[in-house]
Each structure stands twice: as structure tokens, then as C-alpha cells.
């Protein structure tokens, strides 16, 4: 069967039975529509996820009223801005304070409810449990590390604390005030215990190595003194001699999942999990909401194979 092709045309010009959106800005390189198209073609659904490169919430909310609309992936800068417009939120969405998935439910009186969830937390959790052969020896009952201070970092803290049986969670970020805000927010929502900002090389060189690392930052070279300091702290933890290595998930996969952090981690004995793994597992979770199917009913192997082929193509282009 040929690999699914993305449906890039707008909904008015496309004879679809149902349609959804990828709603955000700078989304032209996202793999999300491609991933969902694989699923819809396997299920025999004449559906597609269309790119809506916008931060105009009024426009988006108007489009959700179309009878053929089934839901949306929501990305920056709309993950927080969408929250006041939702009729209902799942626990994950409410606790993380960010929505990456809009889905529909019918209310008691038959009205259409716009609901939100956060499948990023599932993507992070399942990336580790599907990739690490022995979670008990690799990251259970060990410290973890989250790099970054935005919505993805909050999702990582939530997943680590709720499901992954870690002890303390180290936080590395360029902005100390952003870390303080994140710690306060997580504590207020019930999952902020045991968070520690690691700000200096001296600290990084004495800490127990983490069993799980989640990087939630773009693959850019540091420009400011604060960014360089955060890079040095991260590198100190990754490259320090001795100690028991764990697994590293770098959430960044655009323009390539083969980031600098991935290269450093791999070169120093860490198990590397590419950001495309999180994309796969959070995307499958989204389609459970949109199609009503269980994971067992979705083409998991086909999705993984197709994304792996794309990753291999990206790697070949670098050689």
C-alpha cells in the first residue's frame, strides 16, 4: 500500500467527509497532518487534518462550527489562549494548563461541546515505556531532568511525576524567573513536589545522574549568557564521567530529530529517544478522541514504520 500523502488543500476545495485542523503558527514543517493521514487511510476514512497557520481564535472558533469538523491539534501560540473557550477540559489539560487537542462531545441537551485535552503528556510517557526495555532499572525511583520552562516542560513534569515513578526532578532553563513560575504553577496544580532548579556547574557535577531526561527546547545555538550557562549545566550532566546513564527524550524533531543534544547524549552512553516517538504516541492518543477507536484498533505499526522511514530519509540527507 503506498505511503499516505498529506491533504494540503483547504477544506472548501477538498471533498472530505470530515476535516480537522492543525492550528498554530510556523507549522509548515509539522509532521502532524502526515501522521494522521496514515491513520485515516488505513481506517478507510475520507478525513484529513488541514493546516491553519493562524493565532486568530475567533477565526478558529468559527471554523469549529462546521458540521464536518472533528477536532484539532493545537500548537503554539494557541495552547493556553484556547483554554477560556473550551466547554470542558480533561484532567491533564486542566492540570498542565495547556491544550494541544480539541475534540467534540455532545452535551445532555444535545448541544455540541468543545473539549480540550493534553496528549503531550501521553506522548512523553509512552515514548519512554515503549522504548526502554527495563523502566524499573533505567528510570523508576531515580531523579529525572527537564530542560526548558514552557508548556512542554510542564507536560514533562506532569508525566514524570504522575506515571513514571521518579524521585526528584531537576530543572534546567535559561530563565530563573520562568523556572520559579513553573514550579509555583505545578505546585498549585498538585504535581510540584520535588522540583529542583539546577543553575550552576558546581551543582550539576555533584548530583546523582537522572534516569529520564526530557529536553523541551529548540535546537538552536545559545546566544545569551543565560542560554550558554544552561547549555553548560546540561552538558555537565550528560558528559560527566561515571554514573549510571538513563534515557534521553529530545522533544525537538524539526527541522530534524538529530539534534545537537541527541548527538552529545548518544556519544556519552545515554539511550536516545527521538522526538518523533513523542509525536507518534501523542498523535495516536489524539485519534482515539477523534475516531472513537482504541489503540488496538489503530494502525500503530504502520504509523511507526512510516515515521521511521521519514526519519531515515532525514538522516540520509545529512550524510
Protein backbone atom coordinates (compact mmCIF):
# COMPACT_ATOMS: atom_id res chain seq x y z
CA UNK A 1 0.00 0.00 0.00
CA UNK A 2 1.51 3.40 -0.89
CA UNK A 3 2.53 5.71 1.95
CA UNK A 4 -0.20 8.20 2.78
CA UNK A 5 0.03 11.60 1.18
CA UNK A 6 -0.88 14.75 3.06
CA UNK A 7 -4.04 16.60 2.05
CA UNK A 8 -2.76 20.17 1.74
CA UNK A 9 -5.74 21.87 0.11
CA UNK A 10 -8.28 23.94 2.01
CA UNK A 11 -11.50 22.34 3.14
CA UNK A 12 -13.74 24.23 0.73
CA UNK A 13 -11.88 22.76 -2.24
CA UNK A 14 -11.47 19.24 -0.83
CA UNK A 15 -14.27 16.64 -0.99
CA UNK A 16 -13.79 15.33 2.55
CA UNK A 17 -16.34 13.63 4.77
CA UNK A 18 -14.74 15.11 7.89
CA UNK A 19 -11.89 17.53 8.49
CA UNK A 20 -9.78 18.80 11.36
CA UNK A 21 -7.06 21.40 11.75
CA UNK A 22 -3.51 21.84 12.86
CA UNK A 23 -3.99 25.25 14.49
CA UNK A 24 -0.91 27.32 15.25
CA UNK A 25 1.84 29.38 13.67
CA UNK A 26 5.07 28.29 11.93
CA UNK A 27 3.51 24.89 11.26
CA UNK A 28 4.60 24.41 7.65
CA UNK A 29 7.13 21.70 8.61
CA UNK A 30 4.97 19.84 11.13
CA UNK A 31 4.57 16.10 10.53
CA UNK A 32 1.17 16.04 12.24
CA UNK A 33 -1.06 16.07 9.11
CA UNK A 34 1.07 13.32 7.58
CA UNK A 35 0.79 11.12 10.66
CA UNK A 36 -2.98 11.45 10.87
CA UNK A 37 -3.39 10.81 7.15
CA UNK A 38 -1.73 7.41 7.58
CA UNK A 39 -4.31 6.54 10.20
CA UNK A 40 -7.32 7.77 8.24
CA UNK A 41 -6.34 5.95 5.06
CA UNK A 42 -5.82 2.71 6.99
CA UNK A 43 -9.25 3.08 8.61
CA UNK A 44 -10.86 3.88 5.27
CA UNK A 45 -11.88 7.36 6.41
CA UNK A 46 -12.13 10.22 3.93
CA UNK A 47 -10.76 12.60 6.55
CA UNK A 48 -7.82 14.98 6.69
CA UNK A 49 -6.10 17.37 9.05
CA UNK A 50 -5.61 20.74 7.37
CA UNK A 51 -3.02 23.34 8.30
CA UNK A 52 -4.43 26.54 9.78
CA UNK A 53 -1.43 28.82 10.18
CA UNK A 54 -3.01 31.35 12.49
CA UNK A 55 -3.32 32.70 16.02
CA UNK A 56 -6.78 34.12 15.33
CA UNK A 57 -9.01 32.40 17.87
CA UNK A 58 -12.18 33.97 16.51
CA UNK A 59 -11.43 32.50 13.09
CA UNK A 60 -10.72 29.07 14.57
CA UNK A 61 -13.82 29.05 16.77
CA UNK A 62 -15.92 29.93 13.75
CA UNK A 63 -14.45 27.04 11.78
CA UNK A 64 -15.26 24.59 14.59
CA UNK A 65 -18.96 25.18 13.93
CA UNK A 66 -18.76 23.46 10.55
CA UNK A 67 -20.75 20.18 10.76
CA UNK A 68 -17.81 18.32 9.20
CA UNK A 69 -15.29 19.48 11.81
CA UNK A 70 -14.00 16.65 14.02
CA UNK A 71 -11.29 18.32 16.11
CA UNK A 72 -7.87 19.94 16.02
CA UNK A 73 -4.27 19.71 17.06
CA UNK A 74 -3.38 22.95 18.81
CA UNK A 75 0.16 24.25 18.89
CA UNK A 76 1.96 27.45 19.83
CA UNK A 77 0.92 30.15 20.45
CA UNK A 78 -2.63 28.86 20.99
CA UNK A 79 -2.27 26.13 23.64
CA UNK A 80 -3.05 28.42 26.56
CA UNK A 81 -5.13 31.02 24.72
CA UNK A 82 -7.72 28.38 23.74
CA UNK A 83 -8.50 27.38 27.35
CA UNK A 84 -11.19 30.00 28.15
CA UNK A 85 -13.12 28.96 25.03
CA UNK A 86 -13.45 25.28 25.96
CA UNK A 87 -16.67 23.87 27.39
CA UNK A 88 -14.86 21.02 29.11
CA UNK A 89 -11.27 20.01 29.90
CA UNK A 90 -9.72 16.68 30.83
CA UNK A 91 -7.65 16.38 34.00
CA UNK A 92 -4.40 16.53 32.01
CA UNK A 93 -5.44 19.66 30.17
CA UNK A 94 -6.55 21.41 33.35
CA UNK A 95 -3.51 20.43 35.43
CA UNK A 96 -0.88 21.20 32.80
CA UNK A 97 -2.68 24.43 31.90
CA UNK A 98 -2.32 23.87 28.17
CA UNK A 99 -4.44 22.25 25.46
CA UNK A 100 -2.90 20.55 22.44
CA UNK A 101 -6.05 18.70 21.33
CA UNK A 102 -9.59 19.89 20.73
CA UNK A 103 -12.33 17.27 20.40
CA UNK A 104 -16.13 17.26 20.38
CA UNK A 105 -18.66 15.84 22.82
CA UNK A 106 -22.45 16.03 22.91
CA UNK A 107 -23.98 17.69 25.94
CA UNK A 108 -27.02 16.47 27.88
CA UNK A 109 -29.29 18.68 25.82
CA UNK A 110 -27.74 17.65 22.52
CA UNK A 111 -25.54 20.74 22.23
CA UNK A 112 -22.07 20.47 20.71
CA UNK A 113 -19.36 20.81 23.37
CA UNK A 114 -15.83 21.95 22.50
CA UNK A 115 -13.50 19.95 24.73
CA UNK A 116 -9.77 20.06 25.36
CA UNK A 117 -7.13 17.60 26.43
CA UNK A 118 -3.36 17.40 26.53
CA UNK A 119 -1.90 14.37 24.76
CA UNK A 120 1.68 15.68 25.02
CA UNK A 121 1.82 14.06 28.46
CA UNK A 122 0.87 10.70 26.90
CA UNK A 123 3.46 11.18 24.16
CA UNK A 124 6.19 11.70 26.74
CA UNK A 125 5.10 8.83 28.96
CA UNK A 126 4.69 6.31 26.16
CA UNK A 127 7.94 7.32 24.45
CA UNK A 128 9.79 6.04 27.49
CA UNK A 129 7.68 2.98 28.20
CA UNK A 130 7.65 1.88 24.55
CA UNK A 131 11.39 2.50 24.04
CA UNK A 132 13.06 1.48 27.31
CA UNK A 133 13.25 -2.27 27.86
CA UNK A 134 13.54 -2.09 31.65
CA UNK A 135 11.95 1.06 33.13
CA UNK A 136 12.45 -0.39 36.63
CA UNK A 137 16.22 -0.30 36.29
CA UNK A 138 16.54 2.73 33.99
CA UNK A 139 14.33 5.48 35.43
CA UNK A 140 11.99 4.25 38.18
CA UNK A 141 12.95 5.56 41.65
CA UNK A 142 15.67 7.77 40.21
CA UNK A 143 15.96 11.52 39.61
CA UNK A 144 14.77 12.96 36.32
CA UNK A 145 15.71 16.10 34.39
CA UNK A 146 13.53 18.51 32.42
CA UNK A 147 15.23 21.10 30.21
CA UNK A 148 13.10 24.13 29.37
CA UNK A 149 10.44 26.26 31.01
CA UNK A 150 7.39 26.38 28.75
CA UNK A 151 4.28 24.29 28.18
CA UNK A 152 6.16 21.21 27.00
CA UNK A 153 8.31 21.30 30.14
CA UNK A 154 5.16 21.37 32.29
CA UNK A 155 3.83 18.38 30.35
CA UNK A 156 7.09 16.56 31.01
CA UNK A 157 6.96 17.29 34.75
CA UNK A 158 3.35 16.07 34.84
CA UNK A 159 4.17 12.82 33.04
CA UNK A 160 7.26 12.13 35.14
CA UNK A 161 5.51 12.83 38.41
CA UNK A 162 2.18 11.11 37.66
CA UNK A 163 3.24 7.96 35.83
CA UNK A 164 7.00 7.43 35.70
CA UNK A 165 7.85 6.85 39.37
CA UNK A 166 10.75 9.30 39.50
CA UNK A 167 12.09 10.89 42.69
CA UNK A 168 13.35 14.46 42.46
CA UNK A 169 13.03 16.34 39.14
CA UNK A 170 15.93 18.60 38.19
CA UNK A 171 15.05 21.70 36.15
CA UNK A 172 17.49 23.42 33.81
CA UNK A 173 16.45 26.58 31.99
CA UNK A 174 17.93 29.87 30.83
CA UNK A 175 15.46 31.99 32.84
CA UNK A 176 15.38 31.58 36.63
CA UNK A 177 12.15 33.59 36.94
CA UNK A 178 10.49 31.27 34.41
CA UNK A 179 11.55 28.28 36.49
CA UNK A 180 10.09 29.85 39.65
CA UNK A 181 6.79 30.48 37.86
CA UNK A 182 6.72 26.92 36.55
CA UNK A 183 7.44 25.46 40.00
CA UNK A 184 4.70 27.60 41.54
CA UNK A 185 2.19 26.62 38.83
CA UNK A 186 2.96 22.90 39.13
CA UNK A 187 2.66 23.07 42.93
CA UNK A 188 -0.68 24.87 42.68
CA UNK A 189 -1.97 22.12 40.38
CA UNK A 190 -0.84 19.30 42.63
CA UNK A 191 2.27 17.89 40.95
CA UNK A 192 5.02 20.28 42.01
CA UNK A 193 6.67 18.22 44.73
CA UNK A 194 10.39 17.56 44.50
CA UNK A 195 11.35 20.09 41.82
CA UNK A 196 14.89 21.48 41.98
CA UNK A 197 16.35 24.22 39.82
CA UNK A 198 19.92 23.30 38.86
CA UNK A 199 21.56 26.59 37.92
CA UNK A 200 25.31 26.07 38.32
CA UNK A 201 28.03 23.76 37.07
CA UNK A 202 29.03 23.04 40.67
CA UNK A 203 25.57 21.58 41.38
CA UNK A 204 25.48 19.59 38.15
CA UNK A 205 28.82 17.97 38.90
CA UNK A 206 27.71 16.62 42.28
CA UNK A 207 24.13 15.44 41.60
CA UNK A 208 23.04 11.85 41.11
CA UNK A 209 22.61 11.35 37.36
CA UNK A 210 18.99 11.29 36.13
CA UNK A 211 17.34 8.17 34.81
CA UNK A 212 14.99 10.07 32.48
CA UNK A 213 15.75 13.33 30.70
CA UNK A 214 13.19 15.29 28.68
CA UNK A 215 14.51 18.20 26.61
CA UNK A 216 11.87 20.77 25.69
CA UNK A 217 13.95 23.41 23.92
CA UNK A 218 14.62 24.25 20.25
CA UNK A 219 17.83 23.07 18.63
CA UNK A 220 19.47 26.50 18.50
CA UNK A 221 22.93 27.63 19.45
CA UNK A 222 22.88 29.70 22.66
CA UNK A 223 23.14 33.45 22.14
CA UNK A 224 22.88 34.98 25.61
CA UNK A 225 24.96 34.39 28.73
CA UNK A 226 21.95 32.72 30.38
CA UNK A 227 21.47 30.36 27.44
CA UNK A 228 25.16 29.45 27.47
CA UNK A 229 25.00 28.75 31.20
CA UNK A 230 22.00 26.44 30.76
CA UNK A 231 23.84 24.63 27.94
CA UNK A 232 26.90 24.15 30.15
CA UNK A 233 24.82 22.77 33.02
CA UNK A 234 23.06 20.34 30.68
CA UNK A 235 26.33 19.23 29.11
CA UNK A 236 27.87 18.71 32.55
CA UNK A 237 25.12 16.23 33.43
CA UNK A 238 25.31 14.46 30.07
CA UNK A 239 29.09 14.18 29.79
CA UNK A 240 30.20 13.64 33.39
CA UNK A 241 32.38 10.54 33.73
CA UNK A 242 30.95 7.60 35.65
CA UNK A 243 27.46 7.30 36.99
CA UNK A 244 24.53 5.26 35.74
CA UNK A 245 23.17 6.58 32.44
CA UNK A 246 19.44 6.61 31.68
CA UNK A 247 17.32 7.58 28.68
CA UNK A 248 17.01 10.95 26.94
CA UNK A 249 13.95 12.16 25.02
CA UNK A 250 14.51 15.28 22.94
CA UNK A 251 11.07 16.64 22.04
CA UNK A 252 12.51 18.68 19.15
CA UNK A 253 12.17 17.00 15.75
CA UNK A 254 12.07 19.94 13.35
CA UNK A 255 13.86 20.52 11.09
CA UNK A 256 15.48 17.21 12.12
CA UNK A 257 15.24 14.89 15.14
CA UNK A 258 19.02 14.52 15.07
CA UNK A 259 19.73 17.47 17.33
CA UNK A 260 22.95 18.51 18.97
CA UNK A 261 21.66 17.25 22.31
CA UNK A 262 20.89 13.85 20.77
CA UNK A 263 24.44 13.64 19.43
CA UNK A 264 26.01 14.57 22.78
CA UNK A 265 23.81 12.13 24.70
CA UNK A 266 24.42 9.26 22.30
CA UNK A 267 28.15 9.91 22.33
CA UNK A 268 28.25 9.61 26.12
CA UNK A 269 26.31 6.39 26.56
CA UNK A 270 22.72 7.54 27.11
CA UNK A 271 19.81 5.77 25.45
CA UNK A 272 18.36 8.26 22.97
CA UNK A 273 14.64 8.57 22.16
CA UNK A 274 13.93 10.82 19.19
CA UNK A 275 11.22 13.47 19.38
CA UNK A 276 9.31 11.68 16.63
CA UNK A 277 8.43 8.99 19.19
CA UNK A 278 6.54 11.55 21.26
CA UNK A 279 4.87 12.76 18.06
CA UNK A 280 3.66 9.22 17.31
CA UNK A 281 2.23 8.42 20.73
CA UNK A 282 0.56 11.76 21.31
CA UNK A 283 -0.89 11.61 17.77
CA UNK A 284 -2.33 8.15 18.29
CA UNK A 285 -3.91 9.37 21.52
CA UNK A 286 -5.48 12.28 19.61
CA UNK A 287 -7.08 9.95 17.09
CA UNK A 288 -8.58 7.89 19.90
CA UNK A 289 -10.55 11.01 20.83
CA UNK A 290 -11.43 11.90 17.24
CA UNK A 291 -12.32 8.48 15.82
CA UNK A 292 -13.58 6.72 18.95
CA UNK A 293 -11.17 3.84 18.27
CA UNK A 294 -8.97 2.13 20.84
CA UNK A 295 -5.20 1.92 20.47
CA UNK A 296 -5.60 -1.72 19.40
CA UNK A 297 -7.87 -0.62 16.54
CA UNK A 298 -5.42 1.98 15.23
CA UNK A 299 -2.57 1.14 12.79
CA UNK A 300 0.20 1.62 15.34
CA UNK A 301 2.81 -0.46 13.47
CA UNK A 302 2.07 1.29 10.18
CA UNK A 303 2.42 4.72 11.77
CA UNK A 304 5.72 3.80 13.40
CA UNK A 305 7.02 2.35 10.13
CA UNK A 306 6.06 5.45 8.12
CA UNK A 307 7.58 7.88 10.62
CA UNK A 308 10.73 5.76 10.84
CA UNK A 309 11.02 5.94 7.04
CA UNK A 310 10.78 9.72 7.20
CA UNK A 311 13.41 9.83 9.92
CA UNK A 312 15.73 7.61 7.85
CA UNK A 313 15.25 9.93 4.88
CA UNK A 314 16.20 12.92 7.01
CA UNK A 315 19.27 11.10 8.27
CA UNK A 316 20.32 10.13 4.74
CA UNK A 317 20.05 13.75 3.65
CA UNK A 318 22.53 14.72 6.38
CA UNK A 319 25.15 12.19 5.26
